[in-house]
C-alpha atoms as a PDB file:
ATOM      1  CA  MET A   1      17.035 -23.025  13.598  1.00  0.00           C
ATOM      2  CA  GLU A   2      14.280 -24.920  15.740  1.00  0.00           C
ATOM      3  CA  TYR A   3      12.784 -21.544  16.312  1.00  0.00           C
ATOM      4  CA  MET A   4      12.124 -20.465  12.590  1.00  0.00           C
ATOM      5  CA  LYS A   5      10.854 -24.229  11.928  1.00  0.00           C
ATOM      6  CA  ARG A   6       8.408 -23.693  14.953  1.00  0.00           C
ATOM      7  CA  ASN A   7       7.840 -19.876  13.132  1.00  0.00           C
ATOM      8  CA  PHE A   8       7.492 -20.187  10.056  1.00  0.00           C
ATOM      9  CA  ASP A   9       3.785 -19.363   9.425  1.00  0.00           C
ATOM     10  CA  ILE A  10       3.958 -16.247  11.616  1.00  0.00           C
ATOM     11  CA  LEU A  11       7.319 -15.162  10.313  1.00  0.00           C
ATOM     12  CA  TYR A  12       6.498 -14.865   6.075  1.00  0.00           C
ATOM     13  CA  ILE A  13       3.378 -13.355   6.805  1.00  0.00           C
ATOM     14  CA  VAL A  14       5.790 -10.602   8.685  1.00  0.00           C
ATOM     15  CA  VAL A  15       7.792 -10.637   5.936  1.00  0.00           C
ATOM     16  CA  GLN A  16       4.676 -10.620   3.975  1.00  0.00           C
ATOM     17  CA  VAL A  17       3.537  -7.510   5.233  1.00  0.00           C
ATOM     18  CA  TRP A  18       7.116  -5.310   4.780  1.00  0.00           C
ATOM     19  CA  ILE A  19       7.486  -6.467   1.178  1.00  0.00           C
ATOM     20  CA  ASP A  20       3.659  -5.625   0.402  1.00  0.00           C
ATOM     21  CA  GLY A  21       4.928  -1.857   2.520  1.00  0.00           C
ATOM     22  CA  LEU A  22       7.447  -1.659   0.585  1.00  0.00           C
ATOM     23  CA  ILE A  23       6.136  -2.150  -2.530  1.00  0.00           C
ATOM     24  CA  CYS A  24       3.334   0.512  -1.840  1.00  0.00           C
ATOM     25  CA  MET A  25       5.066   2.843  -0.340  1.00  0.00           C
ATOM     26  CA  GLY A  26       7.211   2.657  -3.379  1.00  0.00           C
ATOM     27  CA  ALA A  27       5.120   2.491  -6.112  1.00  0.00           C
ATOM     28  CA  CYS A  28       3.721   6.305  -3.886  1.00  0.00           C
ATOM     29  CA  MET A  29       7.024   7.476  -5.041  1.00  0.00           C
ATOM     30  CA  THR A  30       7.226   6.399  -8.315  1.00  0.00           C
ATOM     31  CA  GLY A  31       3.627   8.316  -9.287  1.00  0.00           C
ATOM     32  CA  TYR A  32       5.098  11.556  -8.044  1.00  0.00           C
ATOM     33  CA  TRP A  33       8.303  10.638  -9.609  1.00  0.00           C
ATOM     34  CA  LEU A  34       6.718  10.012 -13.037  1.00  0.00           C
ATOM     35  CA  TYR A  35       4.470  13.270 -12.862  1.00  0.00           C
ATOM     36  CA  SER A  36       6.463  15.627 -11.557  1.00  0.00           C
ATOM     37  CA  HIS A  37       9.230  14.801 -14.591  1.00  0.00           C
ATOM     38  CA  LEU A  38       6.412  13.376 -17.190  1.00  0.00           C
ATOM     39  CA  VAL A  39       3.002  14.999 -16.832  1.00  0.00           C
ATOM     40  CA  LEU A  40       3.886  18.015 -15.515  1.00  0.00           C
ATOM     41  CA  PRO A  41       5.200  20.508 -18.403  1.00  0.00           C
ATOM     42  CA  PRO A  42       8.333  22.091 -17.602  1.00  0.00           C
ATOM     43  CA  GLY A  43       8.683  25.540 -15.756  1.00  0.00           C
ATOM     44  CA  VAL A  44       5.647  24.307 -13.211  1.00  0.00           C
ATOM     45  CA  TYR A  45       5.995  24.314  -9.564  1.00  0.00           C
ATOM     46  CA  MET A  46       5.603  20.326  -8.215  1.00  0.00           C
ATOM     47  CA  PRO A  47       6.131  20.715  -4.304  1.00  0.00           C
ATOM     48  CA  PRO A  48       9.327  18.136  -3.539  1.00  0.00           C
ATOM     49  CA  MET A  49       8.525  14.983  -2.670  1.00  0.00           C
ATOM     50  CA  ALA A  50       9.599  15.376   1.036  1.00  0.00           C
ATOM     51  CA  ASP A  51       5.624  17.079   1.627  1.00  0.00           C
ATOM     52  CA  PHE A  52       4.192  14.244   0.874  1.00  0.00           C
ATOM     53  CA  ARG A  53       6.018  11.271   2.824  1.00  0.00           C
ATOM     54  CA  GLN A  54       2.943  11.663   5.891  1.00  0.00           C
ATOM     55  CA  LEU A  55       0.721  11.052   2.980  1.00  0.00           C
ATOM     56  CA  PHE A  56       2.359   8.198   1.615  1.00  0.00           C
ATOM     57  CA  VAL A  57       2.848   6.727   5.298  1.00  0.00           C
ATOM     58  CA  LEU A  58      -0.824   6.858   5.252  1.00  0.00           C
ATOM     59  CA  ILE A  59      -1.599   5.650   1.703  1.00  0.00           C
ATOM     60  CA  THR A  60       0.698   2.793   2.853  1.00  0.00           C
ATOM     61  CA  GLY A  61      -1.016   2.301   6.125  1.00  0.00           C
ATOM     62  CA  ILE A  62      -5.072   2.455   4.160  1.00  0.00           C
ATOM     63  CA  VAL A  63      -3.423  -0.632   2.076  1.00  0.00           C
ATOM     64  CA  LEU A  64      -2.523  -2.751   4.319  1.00  0.00           C
ATOM     65  CA  SER A  65      -5.193  -2.726   6.639  1.00  0.00           C
ATOM     66  CA  CYS A  66      -7.166  -3.292   4.128  1.00  0.00           C
ATOM     67  CA  PHE A  67      -5.558  -6.366   2.713  1.00  0.00           C
ATOM     68  CA  TRP A  68      -5.728  -7.574   6.696  1.00  0.00           C
ATOM     69  CA  LEU A  69      -9.168  -7.060   6.560  1.00  0.00           C
ATOM     70  CA  PHE A  70      -9.980  -8.649   3.517  1.00  0.00           C
ATOM     71  CA  GLY A  71      -8.219 -11.832   4.893  1.00  0.00           C
ATOM     72  CA  LEU A  72      -5.112 -11.033   2.507  1.00  0.00           C
ATOM     73  CA  TYR A  73      -2.130 -12.413   5.569  1.00  0.00           C
ATOM     74  CA  GLN A  74      -3.689 -15.356   6.557  1.00  0.00           C
ATOM     75  CA  GLY A  75      -2.667 -18.796   6.262  1.00  0.00           C
ATOM     76  CA  GLN A  76      -5.157 -20.668   4.706  1.00  0.00           C
ATOM     77  CA  LYS A  77      -5.129 -21.197   0.656  1.00  0.00           C
ATOM     78  CA  SER A  78      -8.189 -21.565  -1.833  1.00  0.00           C
ATOM     79  CA  ILE A  79      -7.979 -24.166  -4.828  1.00  0.00           C
ATOM     80  CA  LEU A  80      -6.218 -22.082  -7.574  1.00  0.00           C
ATOM     81  CA  ASN A  81      -6.396 -19.052  -5.343  1.00  0.00           C
ATOM     82  CA  VAL A  82      -9.716 -17.553  -6.450  1.00  0.00           C
ATOM     83  CA  GLU A  83     -10.931 -16.876  -2.978  1.00  0.00           C
ATOM     84  CA  GLU A  84      -6.789 -14.439  -3.004  1.00  0.00           C
ATOM     85  CA  TYR A  85      -8.498 -13.340  -5.994  1.00  0.00           C
ATOM     86  CA  ARG A  86     -11.438 -11.972  -5.124  1.00  0.00           C
ATOM     87  CA  GLY A  87      -9.871 -10.481  -1.379  1.00  0.00           C
ATOM     88  CA  LEU A  88      -7.037  -9.049  -3.367  1.00  0.00           C
ATOM     89  CA  PHE A  89      -9.525  -7.366  -5.331  1.00  0.00           C
ATOM     90  CA  LYS A  90     -12.205  -5.889  -2.962  1.00  0.00           C
ATOM     91  CA  ALA A  91      -9.311  -5.392  -0.703  1.00  0.00           C
ATOM     92  CA  THR A  92      -7.860  -2.745  -3.554  1.00  0.00           C
ATOM     93  CA  LEU A  93     -11.067  -1.779  -4.176  1.00  0.00           C
ATOM     94  CA  MET A  94     -11.276  -0.951  -0.563  1.00  0.00           C
ATOM     95  CA  SER A  95      -8.020   1.220  -0.529  1.00  0.00           C
ATOM     96  CA  PHE A  96      -8.090   2.592  -3.472  1.00  0.00           C
ATOM     97  CA  LEU A  97     -11.969   4.197  -2.175  1.00  0.00           C
ATOM     98  CA  LEU A  98     -10.095   5.017   1.567  1.00  0.00           C
ATOM     99  CA  THR A  99      -7.329   6.819  -0.094  1.00  0.00           C
ATOM    100  CA  SER A 100      -8.925   8.676  -2.795  1.00  0.00           C
ATOM    101  CA  THR A 101     -11.034   9.828   0.430  1.00  0.00           C
ATOM    102  CA  ALA A 102      -8.575  10.619   2.783  1.00  0.00           C
ATOM    103  CA  VAL A 103      -7.277  12.779  -0.210  1.00  0.00           C
ATOM    104  CA  PHE A 104     -10.091  14.567  -0.492  1.00  0.00           C
ATOM    105  CA  LEU A 105     -10.718  15.624   2.684  1.00  0.00           C
ATOM    106  CA  LEU A 106      -6.947  16.606   3.155  1.00  0.00           C
ATOM    107  CA  ARG A 107      -6.241  18.304   0.684  1.00  0.00           C
ATOM    108  CA  GLU A 108      -5.933  21.433   2.005  1.00  0.00           C
ATOM    109  CA  VAL A 109      -4.319  20.071   5.801  1.00  0.00           C
ATOM    110  CA  GLU A 110      -1.090  21.554   5.739  1.00  0.00           C
ATOM    111  CA  PHE A 111       1.628  18.623   7.434  1.00  0.00           C
END
């Protein structure tokens, strides 16, 4: 118990990173499912989700890296979290741009 009291901030950040990663991975899988079941017309071939696993891991890594680079995993909070919202907007925008670029450049690559 003493260990948790001393290292609560670090433990909190580690749990936050894990939760963000799981949510990002879940969003990728949900997007795949929605596209394959609701957007595509019946009878159109869609590669299995297993073909996209490495891409989902790459996307999750990009998102978590951008969150870290824009300071979202620091213990300092501002009044009304204005700086956190600003950082979240910038990190999300950068993640989108980097992920879009990666998908564009890797579209012909077979994993």
